[in-house]
Amino acid sequence: MMFSAIVVAGISLLLFLVSLLSFKRIKETKMLFIGIAFLLFFIKALAIIFEKFYVGHLILLDLLIIISLYIASVKK
């Protein structure tokens, strides 16, 4: 469990940085919401690694990730 959380943290941080650079380059708000989703994945992975949050808080992060991805997908 710990290894997979570390891998998810690393990949999500990398994807957050890529989406942030893409947003700065093309100024498309979709990339901003996608970046927010990857940042939330990173925060969730850190919470799992350091075991600082209860399951209810992690589910709230999942909800925020879904909302962010939904907004990115319906944004014109």
PDB file of N, CA and C in Angstrom:
ATOM      1  N   MET A   1       0.826  -1.199   0.000  1.00  0.00           N
ATOM      2  CA  MET A   1       0.000   0.000   0.000  1.00  0.00           C
ATOM      3  C   MET A   1       0.866   1.258   0.000  1.00  0.00           C
ATOM      4  N   MET A   2       1.911   1.249   0.803  1.00  0.00           N
ATOM      5  CA  MET A   2       2.770   2.416   0.904  1.00  0.00           C
ATOM      6  C   MET A   2       3.501   2.678  -0.415  1.00  0.00           C
ATOM      7  N   PHE A   3       4.007   1.618  -1.049  1.00  0.00           N
ATOM      8  CA  PHE A   3       4.725   1.793  -2.318  1.00  0.00           C
ATOM      9  C   PHE A   3       3.816   2.393  -3.383  1.00  0.00           C
ATOM     10  N   SER A   4       2.601   1.880  -3.498  1.00  0.00           N
ATOM     11  CA  SER A   4       1.691   2.401  -4.518  1.00  0.00           C
ATOM     12  C   SER A   4       1.299   3.849  -4.224  1.00  0.00           C
ATOM     13  N   ALA A   5       1.172   4.220  -2.966  1.00  0.00           N
ATOM     14  CA  ALA A   5       0.863   5.614  -2.615  1.00  0.00           C
ATOM     15  C   ALA A   5       2.018   6.528  -2.995  1.00  0.00           C
ATOM     16  N   ILE A   6       3.240   6.066  -2.820  1.00  0.00           N
ATOM     17  CA  ILE A   6       4.405   6.860  -3.203  1.00  0.00           C
ATOM     18  C   ILE A   6       4.461   7.027  -4.715  1.00  0.00           C
ATOM     19  N   VAL A   7       4.170   5.956  -5.450  1.00  0.00           N
ATOM     20  CA  VAL A   7       4.152   6.028  -6.911  1.00  0.00           C
ATOM     21  C   VAL A   7       3.070   6.991  -7.391  1.00  0.00           C
ATOM     22  N   VAL A   8       1.887   6.895  -6.821  1.00  0.00           N
ATOM     23  CA  VAL A   8       0.788   7.802  -7.191  1.00  0.00           C
ATOM     24  C   VAL A   8       1.166   9.251  -6.869  1.00  0.00           C
ATOM     25  N   ALA A   9       1.796   9.479  -5.735  1.00  0.00           N
ATOM     26  CA  ALA A   9       2.212  10.836  -5.367  1.00  0.00           C
ATOM     27  C   ALA A   9       3.199  11.388  -6.389  1.00  0.00           C
ATOM     28  N   GLY A  10       4.169  10.594  -6.779  1.00  0.00           N
ATOM     29  CA  GLY A  10       5.160  11.051  -7.743  1.00  0.00           C
ATOM     30  C   GLY A  10       4.574  11.329  -9.115  1.00  0.00           C
ATOM     31  N   ILE A  11       3.756  10.411  -9.591  1.00  0.00           N
ATOM     32  CA  ILE A  11       3.153  10.580 -10.917  1.00  0.00           C
ATOM     33  C   ILE A  11       2.173  11.748 -10.925  1.00  0.00           C
ATOM     34  N   SER A  12       1.369  11.862  -9.885  1.00  0.00           N
ATOM     35  CA  SER A  12       0.391  12.953  -9.860  1.00  0.00           C
ATOM     36  C   SER A  12       1.079  14.311  -9.734  1.00  0.00           C
ATOM     37  N   LEU A  13       2.184  14.384  -8.997  1.00  0.00           N
ATOM     38  CA  LEU A  13       2.924  15.643  -8.915  1.00  0.00           C
ATOM     39  C   LEU A  13       3.515  16.002 -10.280  1.00  0.00           C
ATOM     40  N   LEU A  14       4.059  15.018 -10.960  1.00  0.00           N
ATOM     41  CA  LEU A  14       4.607  15.252 -12.296  1.00  0.00           C
ATOM     42  C   LEU A  14       3.517  15.725 -13.263  1.00  0.00           C
ATOM     43  N   LEU A  15       2.364  15.068 -13.249  1.00  0.00           N
ATOM     44  CA  LEU A  15       1.274  15.455 -14.133  1.00  0.00           C
ATOM     45  C   LEU A  15       0.699  16.827 -13.759  1.00  0.00           C
ATOM     46  N   PHE A  16       0.704  17.143 -12.478  1.00  0.00           N
ATOM     47  CA  PHE A  16       0.279  18.484 -12.062  1.00  0.00           C
ATOM     48  C   PHE A  16       1.194  19.542 -12.658  1.00  0.00           C
ATOM     49  N   LEU A  17       2.501  19.316 -12.575  1.00  0.00           N
ATOM     50  CA  LEU A  17       3.448  20.280 -13.122  1.00  0.00           C
ATOM     51  C   LEU A  17       3.312  20.419 -14.631  1.00  0.00           C
ATOM     52  N   VAL A  18       3.093  19.303 -15.322  1.00  0.00           N
ATOM     53  CA  VAL A  18       2.908  19.349 -16.773  1.00  0.00           C
ATOM     54  C   VAL A  18       1.643  20.121 -17.131  1.00  0.00           C
ATOM     55  N   SER A  19       0.566  19.868 -16.418  1.00  0.00           N
ATOM     56  CA  SER A  19      -0.682  20.578 -16.719  1.00  0.00           C
ATOM     57  C   SER A  19      -0.574  22.054 -16.360  1.00  0.00           C
ATOM     58  N   LEU A  20       0.176  22.386 -15.319  1.00  0.00           N
ATOM     59  CA  LEU A  20       0.381  23.781 -14.964  1.00  0.00           C
ATOM     60  C   LEU A  20       1.179  24.507 -16.046  1.00  0.00           C
ATOM     61  N   LEU A  21       2.216  23.861 -16.553  1.00  0.00           N
ATOM     62  CA  LEU A  21       2.990  24.454 -17.654  1.00  0.00           C
ATOM     63  C   LEU A  21       2.131  24.596 -18.907  1.00  0.00           C
ATOM     64  N   SER A  22       1.285  23.607 -19.165  1.00  0.00           N
ATOM     65  CA  SER A  22       0.391  23.681 -20.320  1.00  0.00           C
ATOM     66  C   SER A  22      -0.593  24.829 -20.169  1.00  0.00           C
ATOM     67  N   PHE A  23      -1.112  25.011 -18.967  1.00  0.00           N
ATOM     68  CA  PHE A  23      -2.037  26.121 -18.724  1.00  0.00           C
ATOM     69  C   PHE A  23      -1.346  27.461 -18.954  1.00  0.00           C
ATOM     70  N   LYS A  24      -0.134  27.597 -18.455  1.00  0.00           N
ATOM     71  CA  LYS A  24       0.589  28.853 -18.649  1.00  0.00           C
ATOM     72  C   LYS A  24       0.874  29.115 -20.130  1.00  0.00           C
ATOM     73  N   ARG A  25       1.044  28.046 -20.891  1.00  0.00           N
ATOM     74  CA  ARG A  25       1.380  28.195 -22.308  1.00  0.00           C
ATOM     75  C   ARG A  25       0.169  28.506 -23.170  1.00  0.00           C
ATOM     76  N   ILE A  26      -0.938  27.753 -22.981  1.00  0.00           N
ATOM     77  CA  ILE A  26      -2.088  27.901 -23.885  1.00  0.00           C
ATOM     78  C   ILE A  26      -3.257  28.654 -23.259  1.00  0.00           C
ATOM     79  N   LYS A  27      -3.195  28.940 -21.960  1.00  0.00           N
ATOM     80  CA  LYS A  27      -4.238  29.705 -21.256  1.00  0.00           C
ATOM     81  C   LYS A  27      -5.634  29.083 -21.391  1.00  0.00           C
ATOM     82  N   GLU A  28      -5.704  27.777 -21.397  1.00  0.00           N
ATOM     83  CA  GLU A  28      -6.983  27.065 -21.482  1.00  0.00           C
ATOM     84  C   GLU A  28      -7.392  26.655 -20.065  1.00  0.00           C
ATOM     85  N   THR A  29      -8.580  27.100 -19.633  1.00  0.00           N
ATOM     86  CA  THR A  29      -9.000  26.825 -18.257  1.00  0.00           C
ATOM     87  C   THR A  29      -9.221  25.340 -17.993  1.00  0.00           C
ATOM     88  N   LYS A  30      -9.441  24.560 -19.048  1.00  0.00           N
ATOM     89  CA  LYS A  30      -9.560  23.111 -18.856  1.00  0.00           C
ATOM     90  C   LYS A  30      -8.302  22.561 -18.205  1.00  0.00           C
ATOM     91  N   MET A  31      -7.151  23.060 -18.654  1.00  0.00           N
ATOM     92  CA  MET A  31      -5.885  22.579 -18.103  1.00  0.00           C
ATOM     93  C   MET A  31      -5.742  22.952 -16.633  1.00  0.00           C
ATOM     94  N   LEU A  32      -6.311  24.073 -16.251  1.00  0.00           N
ATOM     95  CA  LEU A  32      -6.272  24.481 -14.851  1.00  0.00           C
ATOM     96  C   LEU A  32      -7.054  23.500 -13.983  1.00  0.00           C
ATOM     97  N   PHE A  33      -8.251  23.118 -14.429  1.00  0.00           N
ATOM     98  CA  PHE A  33      -9.059  22.165 -13.650  1.00  0.00           C
ATOM     99  C   PHE A  33      -8.439  20.772 -13.638  1.00  0.00           C
ATOM    100  N   ILE A  34      -7.812  20.384 -14.726  1.00  0.00           N
ATOM    101  CA  ILE A  34      -7.112  19.095 -14.757  1.00  0.00           C
ATOM    102  C   ILE A  34      -5.926  19.139 -13.799  1.00  0.00           C
ATOM    103  N   GLY A  35      -5.229  20.260 -13.790  1.00  0.00           N
ATOM    104  CA  GLY A  35      -4.115  20.428 -12.862  1.00  0.00           C
ATOM    105  C   GLY A  35      -4.568  20.365 -11.413  1.00  0.00           C
ATOM    106  N   ILE A  36      -5.706  20.974 -11.124  1.00  0.00           N
ATOM    107  CA  ILE A  36      -6.255  20.921  -9.767  1.00  0.00           C
ATOM    108  C   ILE A  36      -6.558  19.481  -9.373  1.00  0.00           C
ATOM    109  N   ALA A  37      -7.108  18.709 -10.314  1.00  0.00           N
ATOM    110  CA  ALA A  37      -7.409  17.305 -10.031  1.00  0.00           C
ATOM    111  C   ALA A  37      -6.127  16.538  -9.706  1.00  0.00           C
ATOM    112  N   PHE A  38      -5.063  16.762 -10.476  1.00  0.00           N
ATOM    113  CA  PHE A  38      -3.798  16.072 -10.197  1.00  0.00           C
ATOM    114  C   PHE A  38      -3.196  16.534  -8.867  1.00  0.00           C
ATOM    115  N   LEU A  39      -3.357  17.805  -8.540  1.00  0.00           N
ATOM    116  CA  LEU A  39      -2.880  18.288  -7.249  1.00  0.00           C
ATOM    117  C   LEU A  39      -3.636  17.617  -6.101  1.00  0.00           C
ATOM    118  N   LEU A  40      -4.934  17.435  -6.279  1.00  0.00           N
ATOM    119  CA  LEU A  40      -5.726  16.752  -5.252  1.00  0.00           C
ATOM    120  C   LEU A  40      -5.334  15.284  -5.126  1.00  0.00           C
ATOM    121  N   PHE A  41      -5.011  14.637  -6.259  1.00  0.00           N
ATOM    122  CA  PHE A  41      -4.487  13.264  -6.201  1.00  0.00           C
ATOM    123  C   PHE A  41      -3.192  13.232  -5.393  1.00  0.00           C
ATOM    124  N   PHE A  42      -2.334  14.228  -5.606  1.00  0.00           N
ATOM    125  CA  PHE A  42      -1.070  14.299  -4.877  1.00  0.00           C
ATOM    126  C   PHE A  42      -1.319  14.472  -3.376  1.00  0.00           C
ATOM    127  N   ILE A  43      -2.229  15.367  -3.019  1.00  0.00           N
ATOM    128  CA  ILE A  43      -2.550  15.592  -1.610  1.00  0.00           C
ATOM    129  C   ILE A  43      -3.123  14.327  -0.980  1.00  0.00           C
ATOM    130  N   LYS A  44      -3.980  13.643  -1.726  1.00  0.00           N
ATOM    131  CA  LYS A  44      -4.568  12.406  -1.209  1.00  0.00           C
ATOM    132  C   LYS A  44      -3.494  11.346  -0.983  1.00  0.00           C
ATOM    133  N   ALA A  45      -2.550  11.234  -1.916  1.00  0.00           N
ATOM    134  CA  ALA A  45      -1.470  10.255  -1.758  1.00  0.00           C
ATOM    135  C   ALA A  45      -0.618  10.589  -0.539  1.00  0.00           C
ATOM    136  N   LEU A  46      -0.335  11.882  -0.332  1.00  0.00           N
ATOM    137  CA  LEU A  46       0.422  12.268   0.856  1.00  0.00           C
ATOM    138  C   LEU A  46      -0.344  11.946   2.132  1.00  0.00           C
ATOM    139  N   ALA A  47      -1.655  12.153   2.097  1.00  0.00           N
ATOM    140  CA  ALA A  47      -2.474  11.835   3.276  1.00  0.00           C
ATOM    141  C   ALA A  47      -2.423  10.344   3.577  1.00  0.00           C
ATOM    142  N   ILE A  48      -2.408   9.535   2.534  1.00  0.00           N
ATOM    143  CA  ILE A  48      -2.329   8.084   2.744  1.00  0.00           C
ATOM    144  C   ILE A  48      -0.949   7.701   3.275  1.00  0.00           C
ATOM    145  N   ILE A  49       0.093   8.321   2.712  1.00  0.00           N
ATOM    146  CA  ILE A  49       1.458   8.001   3.146  1.00  0.00           C
ATOM    147  C   ILE A  49       1.660   8.357   4.615  1.00  0.00           C
ATOM    148  N   PHE A  50       1.220   9.535   5.009  1.00  0.00           N
ATOM    149  CA  PHE A  50       1.449   9.988   6.380  1.00  0.00           C
ATOM    150  C   PHE A  50       0.290   9.671   7.322  1.00  0.00           C
ATOM    151  N   GLU A  51      -0.763   9.062   6.783  1.00  0.00           N
ATOM    152  CA  GLU A  51      -1.919   8.614   7.573  1.00  0.00           C
ATOM    153  C   GLU A  51      -2.451   9.720   8.481  1.00  0.00           C
ATOM    154  N   LYS A  52      -2.668  10.894   7.901  1.00  0.00           N
ATOM    155  CA  LYS A  52      -3.113  12.046   8.684  1.00  0.00           C
ATOM    156  C   LYS A  52      -4.613  12.285   8.626  1.00  0.00           C
ATOM    157  N   PHE A  53      -5.296  11.644   7.698  1.00  0.00           N
ATOM    158  CA  PHE A  53      -6.719  11.919   7.531  1.00  0.00           C
ATOM    159  C   PHE A  53      -7.540  10.657   7.739  1.00  0.00           C
ATOM    160  N   TYR A  54      -8.777  10.848   8.100  1.00  0.00           N
ATOM    161  CA  TYR A  54      -9.711   9.738   8.193  1.00  0.00           C
ATOM    162  C   TYR A  54     -10.253   9.429   6.807  1.00  0.00           C
ATOM    163  N   VAL A  55     -10.902   8.287   6.670  1.00  0.00           N
ATOM    164  CA  VAL A  55     -11.444   7.868   5.377  1.00  0.00           C
ATOM    165  C   VAL A  55     -12.454   8.879   4.858  1.00  0.00           C
ATOM    166  N   GLY A  56     -13.219   9.482   5.717  1.00  0.00           N
ATOM    167  CA  GLY A  56     -14.201  10.479   5.299  1.00  0.00           C
ATOM    168  C   GLY A  56     -13.568  11.664   4.600  1.00  0.00           C
ATOM    169  N   HIS A  57     -12.405  12.072   5.061  1.00  0.00           N
ATOM    170  CA  HIS A  57     -11.707  13.175   4.418  1.00  0.00           C
ATOM    171  C   HIS A  57     -11.182  12.758   3.044  1.00  0.00           C
ATOM    172  N   LEU A  58     -10.737  11.516   2.925  1.00  0.00           N
ATOM    173  CA  LEU A  58     -10.236  11.038   1.636  1.00  0.00           C
ATOM    174  C   LEU A  58     -11.369  10.942   0.628  1.00  0.00           C
ATOM    175  N   ILE A  59     -12.550  10.574   1.078  1.00  0.00           N
ATOM    176  CA  ILE A  59     -13.704  10.521   0.179  1.00  0.00           C
ATOM    177  C   ILE A  59     -14.062  11.925  -0.282  1.00  0.00           C
ATOM    178  N   LEU A  60     -13.925  12.908   0.594  1.00  0.00           N
ATOM    179  CA  LEU A  60     -14.158  14.296   0.201  1.00  0.00           C
ATOM    180  C   LEU A  60     -13.161  14.724  -0.878  1.00  0.00           C
ATOM    181  N   LEU A  61     -11.908  14.315  -0.756  1.00  0.00           N
ATOM    182  CA  LEU A  61     -10.926  14.604  -1.798  1.00  0.00           C
ATOM    183  C   LEU A  61     -11.320  13.943  -3.114  1.00  0.00           C
ATOM    184  N   ASP A  62     -11.823  12.707  -3.048  1.00  0.00           N
ATOM    185  CA  ASP A  62     -12.289  12.035  -4.267  1.00  0.00           C
ATOM    186  C   ASP A  62     -13.416  12.827  -4.930  1.00  0.00           C
ATOM    187  N   LEU A  63     -14.323  13.336  -4.125  1.00  0.00           N
ATOM    188  CA  LEU A  63     -15.426  14.133  -4.660  1.00  0.00           C
ATOM    189  C   LEU A  63     -14.900  15.402  -5.336  1.00  0.00           C
ATOM    190  N   LEU A  64     -13.946  16.059  -4.722  1.00  0.00           N
ATOM    191  CA  LEU A  64     -13.362  17.257  -5.323  1.00  0.00           C
ATOM    192  C   LEU A  64     -12.633  16.937  -6.630  1.00  0.00           C
ATOM    193  N   ILE A  65     -11.978  15.796  -6.688  1.00  0.00           N
ATOM    194  CA  ILE A  65     -11.303  15.377  -7.915  1.00  0.00           C
ATOM    195  C   ILE A  65     -12.319  15.147  -9.022  1.00  0.00           C
ATOM    196  N   ILE A  66     -13.401  14.463  -8.703  1.00  0.00           N
ATOM    197  CA  ILE A  66     -14.447  14.195  -9.698  1.00  0.00           C
ATOM    198  C   ILE A  66     -15.066  15.496 -10.187  1.00  0.00           C
ATOM    199  N   ILE A  67     -15.331  16.416  -9.280  1.00  0.00           N
ATOM    200  CA  ILE A  67     -15.914  17.705  -9.672  1.00  0.00           C
ATOM    201  C   ILE A  67     -14.963  18.470 -10.585  1.00  0.00           C
ATOM    202  N   SER A  68     -13.689  18.478 -10.241  1.00  0.00           N
ATOM    203  CA  SER A  68     -12.703  19.187 -11.060  1.00  0.00           C
ATOM    204  C   SER A  68     -12.605  18.589 -12.457  1.00  0.00           C
ATOM    205  N   LEU A  69     -12.589  17.274 -12.556  1.00  0.00           N
ATOM    206  CA  LEU A  69     -12.530  16.628 -13.867  1.00  0.00           C
ATOM    207  C   LEU A  69     -13.828  16.833 -14.659  1.00  0.00           C
ATOM    208  N   TYR A  70     -14.963  16.863 -13.961  1.00  0.00           N
ATOM    209  CA  TYR A  70     -16.222  17.118 -14.627  1.00  0.00           C
ATOM    210  C   TYR A  70     -16.238  18.529 -15.224  1.00  0.00           C
ATOM    211  N   ILE A  71     -15.812  19.509 -14.442  1.00  0.00           N
ATOM    212  CA  ILE A  71     -15.780  20.878 -14.944  1.00  0.00           C
ATOM    213  C   ILE A  71     -14.850  20.983 -16.155  1.00  0.00           C
ATOM    214  N   ALA A  72     -13.707  20.308 -16.094  1.00  0.00           N
ATOM    215  CA  ALA A  72     -12.768  20.332 -17.234  1.00  0.00           C
ATOM    216  C   ALA A  72     -13.390  19.697 -18.470  1.00  0.00           C
ATOM    217  N   SER A  73     -14.194  18.675 -18.291  1.00  0.00           N
ATOM    218  CA  SER A  73     -14.757  17.987 -19.450  1.00  0.00           C
ATOM    219  C   SER A  73     -15.923  18.745 -20.085  1.00  0.00           C
ATOM    220  N   VAL A  74     -16.666  19.515 -19.300  1.00  0.00           N
ATOM    221  CA  VAL A  74     -17.800  20.252 -19.881  1.00  0.00           C
ATOM    222  C   VAL A  74     -17.438  21.682 -20.273  1.00  0.00           C
ATOM    223  N   LYS A  75     -16.259  22.143 -19.879  1.00  0.00           N
ATOM    224  CA  LYS A  75     -15.824  23.498 -20.215  1.00  0.00           C
ATOM    225  C   LYS A  75     -15.549  23.601 -21.700  1.00  0.00           C
ATOM    226  N   LYS A  76     -16.042  24.669 -22.311  1.00  0.00           N
ATOM    227  CA  LYS A  76     -15.846  24.842 -23.762  1.00  0.00           C
ATOM    228  C   LYS A  76     -14.514  25.446 -24.072  1.00  0.00           C
TER     229      LYS A  76
END
